[in-house]
Amino acid sequence: MTEQSELARKLKAHIDTLDSEIRRLDAKLKVVEVETRQRIERSINDLWAQRGEAESRLDEVKRTSESAWSELRTGFERAFDEIYSGFKRARERAAQDDDGPPPPPAGPASGHGPGPGTNRS
């Protein structure tokens, strides 16, 4: 698997995680008080923004040719890290309203596998 396709796979997985988190928070909105509801709504809005950014980056990765990929790789990796950091902040804010601790993050910063810039060869 090329680095480009690996990053595309990770971005797609991240988008799926964002979708799941948005659905979870939407369901939670139905049973919470006003102040908590406002925090959750802000978190959902932040997650939607992060999802849009991730979707844009995924489209760019898919459109990038192999020859251009090597030149753009560092920028894509930095953007992915920024998107993921924003997701973690939004998730942590939302977790403050949960009964228990947040689930472990799924992404390059989790320590579970290499990040998008890690060369496996």
N, C-alpha and C. Protein backbone atom coordinates (compact mmCIF):
# COMPACT_ATOMS: atom_id res chain seq x y z
N MET A 1 0.85 -1.17 0.00
CA MET A 1 0.00 0.00 0.00
C MET A 1 0.90 1.24 0.00
N THR A 2 0.61 2.16 -0.87
CA THR A 2 1.42 3.38 -0.95
C THR A 2 1.09 4.30 0.22
N GLU A 3 1.98 5.23 0.48
CA GLU A 3 1.73 6.20 1.56
C GLU A 3 0.46 6.99 1.27
N GLN A 4 0.25 7.31 0.00
CA GLN A 4 -0.93 8.08 -0.39
C GLN A 4 -2.20 7.29 -0.08
N SER A 5 -2.24 6.03 -0.47
CA SER A 5 -3.45 5.25 -0.21
C SER A 5 -3.60 4.97 1.28
N GLU A 6 -2.50 4.85 2.00
CA GLU A 6 -2.57 4.67 3.45
C GLU A 6 -3.17 5.91 4.12
N LEU A 7 -2.75 7.10 3.69
CA LEU A 7 -3.32 8.32 4.25
C LEU A 7 -4.80 8.43 3.89
N ALA A 8 -5.16 8.08 2.67
CA ALA A 8 -6.57 8.11 2.26
C ALA A 8 -7.39 7.16 3.14
N ARG A 9 -6.85 5.98 3.42
CA ARG A 9 -7.53 5.01 4.29
C ARG A 9 -7.71 5.59 5.68
N LYS A 10 -6.67 6.24 6.23
CA LYS A 10 -6.75 6.81 7.57
C LYS A 10 -7.74 7.97 7.62
N LEU A 11 -7.75 8.80 6.58
CA LEU A 11 -8.71 9.91 6.54
C LEU A 11 -10.14 9.37 6.48
N LYS A 12 -10.37 8.34 5.69
CA LYS A 12 -11.71 7.74 5.60
C LYS A 12 -12.12 7.17 6.95
N ALA A 13 -11.20 6.50 7.64
CA ALA A 13 -11.51 5.95 8.97
C ALA A 13 -11.82 7.09 9.94
N HIS A 14 -11.08 8.18 9.83
CA HIS A 14 -11.32 9.33 10.70
C HIS A 14 -12.70 9.94 10.44
N ILE A 15 -13.08 10.04 9.17
CA ILE A 15 -14.40 10.56 8.82
C ILE A 15 -15.48 9.65 9.40
N ASP A 16 -15.28 8.34 9.31
CA ASP A 16 -16.25 7.40 9.88
C ASP A 16 -16.37 7.59 11.40
N THR A 17 -15.23 7.82 12.07
CA THR A 17 -15.23 8.06 13.51
C THR A 17 -15.97 9.35 13.84
N LEU A 18 -15.73 10.40 13.04
CA LEU A 18 -16.44 11.66 13.24
C LEU A 18 -17.95 11.46 13.08
N ASP A 19 -18.35 10.73 12.07
CA ASP A 19 -19.78 10.47 11.85
C ASP A 19 -20.39 9.77 13.06
N SER A 20 -19.69 8.79 13.59
CA SER A 20 -20.17 8.05 14.76
C SER A 20 -20.29 8.96 15.98
N GLU A 21 -19.30 9.79 16.19
CA GLU A 21 -19.31 10.71 17.33
C GLU A 21 -20.44 11.74 17.19
N ILE A 22 -20.65 12.23 16.00
CA ILE A 22 -21.75 13.19 15.77
C ILE A 22 -23.10 12.53 16.07
N ARG A 23 -23.29 11.30 15.60
CA ARG A 23 -24.55 10.59 15.87
C ARG A 23 -24.75 10.39 17.38
N ARG A 24 -23.67 10.03 18.08
CA ARG A 24 -23.74 9.80 19.53
C ARG A 24 -24.15 11.08 20.26
N LEU A 25 -23.52 12.19 19.89
CA LEU A 25 -23.83 13.44 20.55
C LEU A 25 -25.23 13.94 20.21
N ASP A 26 -25.65 13.73 18.96
CA ASP A 26 -27.02 14.11 18.58
C ASP A 26 -28.04 13.36 19.45
N ALA A 27 -27.81 12.07 19.67
CA ALA A 27 -28.71 11.28 20.51
C ALA A 27 -28.70 11.79 21.95
N LYS A 28 -27.54 12.17 22.42
CA LYS A 28 -27.41 12.67 23.79
C LYS A 28 -28.13 13.99 23.98
N LEU A 29 -28.20 14.81 22.94
CA LEU A 29 -28.87 16.11 23.03
C LEU A 29 -30.32 15.98 23.47
N LYS A 30 -30.93 14.87 23.17
CA LYS A 30 -32.35 14.69 23.43
C LYS A 30 -32.68 14.56 24.92
N VAL A 31 -31.65 14.33 25.75
CA VAL A 31 -31.94 14.05 27.16
C VAL A 31 -31.17 14.93 28.14
N VAL A 32 -30.60 16.03 27.72
CA VAL A 32 -29.77 16.82 28.62
C VAL A 32 -30.35 18.21 28.89
N GLU A 33 -29.81 18.87 29.88
CA GLU A 33 -30.23 20.21 30.27
C GLU A 33 -29.67 21.25 29.31
N VAL A 34 -30.15 22.48 29.42
CA VAL A 34 -29.84 23.55 28.47
C VAL A 34 -28.34 23.84 28.40
N GLU A 35 -27.68 24.03 29.54
CA GLU A 35 -26.26 24.37 29.52
C GLU A 35 -25.43 23.24 28.89
N THR A 36 -25.73 22.04 29.28
CA THR A 36 -25.04 20.89 28.71
C THR A 36 -25.36 20.78 27.23
N ARG A 37 -26.60 21.04 26.89
CA ARG A 37 -27.02 20.99 25.48
C ARG A 37 -26.21 21.97 24.64
N GLN A 38 -25.98 23.16 25.15
CA GLN A 38 -25.21 24.16 24.41
C GLN A 38 -23.76 23.70 24.20
N ARG A 39 -23.17 23.09 25.22
CA ARG A 39 -21.80 22.57 25.07
C ARG A 39 -21.75 21.46 24.02
N ILE A 40 -22.74 20.59 24.07
CA ILE A 40 -22.77 19.49 23.11
C ILE A 40 -22.99 20.03 21.70
N GLU A 41 -23.86 21.01 21.56
CA GLU A 41 -24.09 21.60 20.24
C GLU A 41 -22.80 22.22 19.69
N ARG A 42 -22.03 22.90 20.55
CA ARG A 42 -20.75 23.46 20.10
C ARG A 42 -19.81 22.34 19.67
N SER A 43 -19.79 21.26 20.44
CA SER A 43 -18.94 20.13 20.07
C SER A 43 -19.35 19.53 18.74
N ILE A 44 -20.66 19.39 18.52
CA ILE A 44 -21.15 18.86 17.25
C ILE A 44 -20.75 19.78 16.11
N ASN A 45 -20.91 21.08 16.30
CA ASN A 45 -20.51 22.02 15.25
C ASN A 45 -19.02 21.92 14.95
N ASP A 46 -18.20 21.79 16.00
CA ASP A 46 -16.76 21.62 15.81
C ASP A 46 -16.46 20.33 15.04
N LEU A 47 -17.17 19.26 15.39
CA LEU A 47 -16.95 17.98 14.71
C LEU A 47 -17.36 18.06 13.25
N TRP A 48 -18.46 18.75 12.97
CA TRP A 48 -18.86 18.91 11.57
C TRP A 48 -17.80 19.67 10.79
N ALA A 49 -17.23 20.71 11.40
CA ALA A 49 -16.17 21.47 10.73
C ALA A 49 -14.96 20.58 10.49
N GLN A 50 -14.59 19.78 11.48
CA GLN A 50 -13.46 18.88 11.33
C GLN A 50 -13.75 17.84 10.24
N ARG A 51 -14.97 17.35 10.21
CA ARG A 51 -15.33 16.36 9.20
C ARG A 51 -15.23 16.96 7.80
N GLY A 52 -15.70 18.19 7.65
CA GLY A 52 -15.61 18.85 6.35
C GLY A 52 -14.17 19.02 5.91
N GLU A 53 -13.30 19.40 6.83
CA GLU A 53 -11.88 19.54 6.53
C GLU A 53 -11.27 18.19 6.15
N ALA A 54 -11.62 17.16 6.90
CA ALA A 54 -11.09 15.82 6.60
C ALA A 54 -11.58 15.35 5.23
N GLU A 55 -12.84 15.60 4.93
CA GLU A 55 -13.40 15.20 3.63
C GLU A 55 -12.68 15.94 2.49
N SER A 56 -12.41 17.23 2.69
CA SER A 56 -11.68 18.00 1.67
C SER A 56 -10.29 17.43 1.45
N ARG A 57 -9.61 17.11 2.55
CA ARG A 57 -8.26 16.55 2.45
C ARG A 57 -8.29 15.19 1.76
N LEU A 58 -9.29 14.38 2.08
CA LEU A 58 -9.41 13.07 1.44
C LEU A 58 -9.59 13.24 -0.06
N ASP A 59 -10.43 14.17 -0.47
CA ASP A 59 -10.61 14.43 -1.90
C ASP A 59 -9.30 14.86 -2.56
N GLU A 60 -8.54 15.72 -1.87
CA GLU A 60 -7.24 16.15 -2.40
C GLU A 60 -6.28 14.98 -2.54
N VAL A 61 -6.23 14.12 -1.52
CA VAL A 61 -5.33 12.97 -1.57
C VAL A 61 -5.70 12.07 -2.74
N LYS A 62 -6.99 11.86 -2.94
CA LYS A 62 -7.44 11.00 -4.04
C LYS A 62 -7.10 11.58 -5.41
N ARG A 63 -7.12 12.92 -5.51
CA ARG A 63 -6.85 13.55 -6.80
C ARG A 63 -5.36 13.73 -7.08
N THR A 64 -4.52 13.59 -6.09
CA THR A 64 -3.09 13.85 -6.24
C THR A 64 -2.41 12.68 -6.95
N SER A 65 -1.62 12.99 -7.96
CA SER A 65 -0.90 11.95 -8.69
C SER A 65 0.25 11.45 -7.83
N GLU A 66 0.74 10.26 -8.14
CA GLU A 66 1.87 9.69 -7.39
C GLU A 66 3.09 10.61 -7.43
N SER A 67 3.35 11.22 -8.58
CA SER A 67 4.54 12.08 -8.69
C SER A 67 4.38 13.34 -7.84
N ALA A 68 3.19 13.89 -7.78
CA ALA A 68 2.97 15.09 -6.97
C ALA A 68 2.87 14.74 -5.49
N TRP A 69 2.51 13.50 -5.20
CA TRP A 69 2.32 13.08 -3.82
C TRP A 69 3.57 13.31 -2.96
N SER A 70 4.73 12.95 -3.48
CA SER A 70 5.94 13.09 -2.68
C SER A 70 6.20 14.55 -2.30
N GLU A 71 5.83 15.47 -3.17
CA GLU A 71 6.02 16.89 -2.87
C GLU A 71 4.98 17.40 -1.87
N LEU A 72 3.80 16.85 -1.87
CA LEU A 72 2.71 17.35 -1.04
C LEU A 72 2.53 16.58 0.27
N ARG A 73 3.23 15.46 0.41
CA ARG A 73 3.03 14.56 1.54
C ARG A 73 3.12 15.26 2.90
N THR A 74 4.15 16.05 3.11
CA THR A 74 4.35 16.71 4.40
C THR A 74 3.17 17.63 4.73
N GLY A 75 2.70 18.37 3.77
CA GLY A 75 1.56 19.25 4.00
C GLY A 75 0.30 18.48 4.35
N PHE A 76 0.07 17.37 3.66
CA PHE A 76 -1.09 16.55 3.96
C PHE A 76 -0.99 15.96 5.37
N GLU A 77 0.20 15.51 5.73
CA GLU A 77 0.39 14.93 7.06
C GLU A 77 0.15 15.98 8.14
N ARG A 78 0.66 17.18 7.94
CA ARG A 78 0.47 18.26 8.91
C ARG A 78 -1.01 18.59 9.03
N ALA A 79 -1.70 18.67 7.89
CA ALA A 79 -3.13 18.98 7.91
C ALA A 79 -3.91 17.88 8.62
N PHE A 80 -3.56 16.63 8.39
CA PHE A 80 -4.23 15.52 9.07
C PHE A 80 -4.03 15.63 10.57
N ASP A 81 -2.82 15.93 11.01
CA ASP A 81 -2.55 16.08 12.44
C ASP A 81 -3.38 17.20 13.04
N GLU A 82 -3.52 18.32 12.31
CA GLU A 82 -4.31 19.45 12.81
C GLU A 82 -5.80 19.07 12.89
N ILE A 83 -6.28 18.37 11.89
CA ILE A 83 -7.68 17.93 11.90
C ILE A 83 -7.92 17.02 13.08
N TYR A 84 -7.01 16.07 13.29
CA TYR A 84 -7.18 15.11 14.37
C TYR A 84 -7.09 15.80 15.74
N SER A 85 -6.21 16.78 15.89
CA SER A 85 -6.10 17.52 17.15
C SER A 85 -7.41 18.25 17.46
N GLY A 86 -8.00 18.85 16.45
CA GLY A 86 -9.29 19.52 16.63
C GLY A 86 -10.37 18.54 17.03
N PHE A 87 -10.36 17.37 16.44
CA PHE A 87 -11.32 16.33 16.79
C PHE A 87 -11.16 15.93 18.25
N LYS A 88 -9.92 15.73 18.67
CA LYS A 88 -9.68 15.33 20.06
C LYS A 88 -10.17 16.39 21.04
N ARG A 89 -9.94 17.68 20.72
CA ARG A 89 -10.41 18.75 21.61
C ARG A 89 -11.93 18.74 21.70
N ALA A 90 -12.61 18.60 20.57
CA ALA A 90 -14.07 18.58 20.57
C ALA A 90 -14.58 17.37 21.34
N ARG A 91 -13.94 16.24 21.16
CA ARG A 91 -14.36 15.02 21.85
C ARG A 91 -14.15 15.15 23.35
N GLU A 92 -13.05 15.76 23.77
CA GLU A 92 -12.79 15.94 25.19
C GLU A 92 -13.83 16.85 25.83
N ARG A 93 -14.20 17.92 25.11
CA ARG A 93 -15.24 18.81 25.64
C ARG A 93 -16.56 18.05 25.79
N ALA A 94 -16.90 17.25 24.81
CA ALA A 94 -18.14 16.48 24.88
C ALA A 94 -18.07 15.45 25.99
N ALA A 95 -16.90 14.89 26.22
CA ALA A 95 -16.74 13.86 27.24
C ALA A 95 -16.95 14.42 28.65
N GLN A 96 -16.78 15.70 28.83
CA GLN A 96 -16.99 16.30 30.14
C GLN A 96 -18.43 16.11 30.60
N ASP A 97 -19.32 15.91 29.67
CA ASP A 97 -20.74 15.74 29.99
C ASP A 97 -21.14 14.27 30.08
N ASP A 98 -20.22 13.37 29.77
CA ASP A 98 -20.52 11.94 29.83
C ASP A 98 -20.43 11.45 31.27
N ASP A 99 -21.04 10.31 31.51
CA ASP A 99 -20.98 9.70 32.84
C ASP A 99 -19.61 9.11 33.14
N GLY A 100 -18.93 8.63 32.14
CA GLY A 100 -17.64 7.98 32.34
C GLY A 100 -16.57 8.63 31.50
N PRO A 101 -15.37 8.07 31.53
CA PRO A 101 -14.29 8.62 30.73
C PRO A 101 -14.55 8.39 29.26
N PRO A 102 -13.98 9.25 28.40
CA PRO A 102 -14.18 9.07 26.96
C PRO A 102 -13.48 7.82 26.48
N PRO A 103 -13.98 7.22 25.41
CA PRO A 103 -13.28 6.06 24.85
C PRO A 103 -11.92 6.50 24.32
N PRO A 104 -10.97 5.57 24.22
CA PRO A 104 -9.65 5.96 23.71
C PRO A 104 -9.77 6.48 22.28
N PRO A 105 -8.99 7.49 21.94
CA PRO A 105 -9.08 8.05 20.59
C PRO A 105 -8.60 7.05 19.55
N ALA A 106 -9.18 7.14 18.37
CA ALA A 106 -8.77 6.28 17.27
C ALA A 106 -8.08 7.15 16.24
N GLY A 107 -6.79 7.12 16.21
CA GLY A 107 -6.07 7.94 15.26
C GLY A 107 -4.59 7.89 15.50
N PRO A 108 -3.83 8.67 14.77
CA PRO A 108 -2.38 8.58 14.83
C PRO A 108 -1.81 8.95 16.19
N ALA A 109 -2.49 9.80 16.94
CA ALA A 109 -1.96 10.23 18.23
C ALA A 109 -2.24 9.22 19.33
N SER A 110 -2.99 8.16 19.03
CA SER A 110 -3.38 7.21 20.05
C SER A 110 -2.26 6.25 20.42
N GLY A 111 -1.23 6.18 19.60
CA GLY A 111 -0.16 5.23 19.86
C GLY A 111 -0.48 3.84 19.36
N HIS A 112 -1.64 3.68 18.74
CA HIS A 112 -2.03 2.38 18.19
C HIS A 112 -1.74 2.36 16.70
N GLY A 113 -0.50 2.13 16.36
CA GLY A 113 -0.13 2.09 14.95
C GLY A 113 0.50 3.38 14.52
N PRO A 114 1.08 3.38 13.35
CA PRO A 114 1.79 4.56 12.86
C PRO A 114 0.86 5.66 12.43
N GLY A 115 1.32 6.87 12.51
CA GLY A 115 0.58 8.01 12.01
C GLY A 115 0.71 8.10 10.51
N PRO A 116 0.10 9.10 9.90
CA PRO A 116 0.09 9.17 8.44
C PRO A 116 1.48 9.37 7.84
N GLY A 117 2.42 9.89 8.58
CA GLY A 117 3.75 10.15 8.04
C GLY A 117 4.75 9.07 8.33
N THR A 118 4.31 8.00 8.97
CA THR A 118 5.24 6.95 9.34
C THR A 118 5.53 6.06 8.15
N ASN A 119 6.79 5.90 7.85
CA ASN A 119 7.20 5.06 6.74
C ASN A 119 7.39 3.64 7.27
N ARG A 120 6.64 2.69 6.73
CA ARG A 120 6.71 1.31 7.21
C ARG A 120 7.84 0.51 6.58
N SER A 121 8.44 1.01 5.53
CA SER A 121 9.46 0.20 4.86
C SER A 121 10.84 0.45 5.41
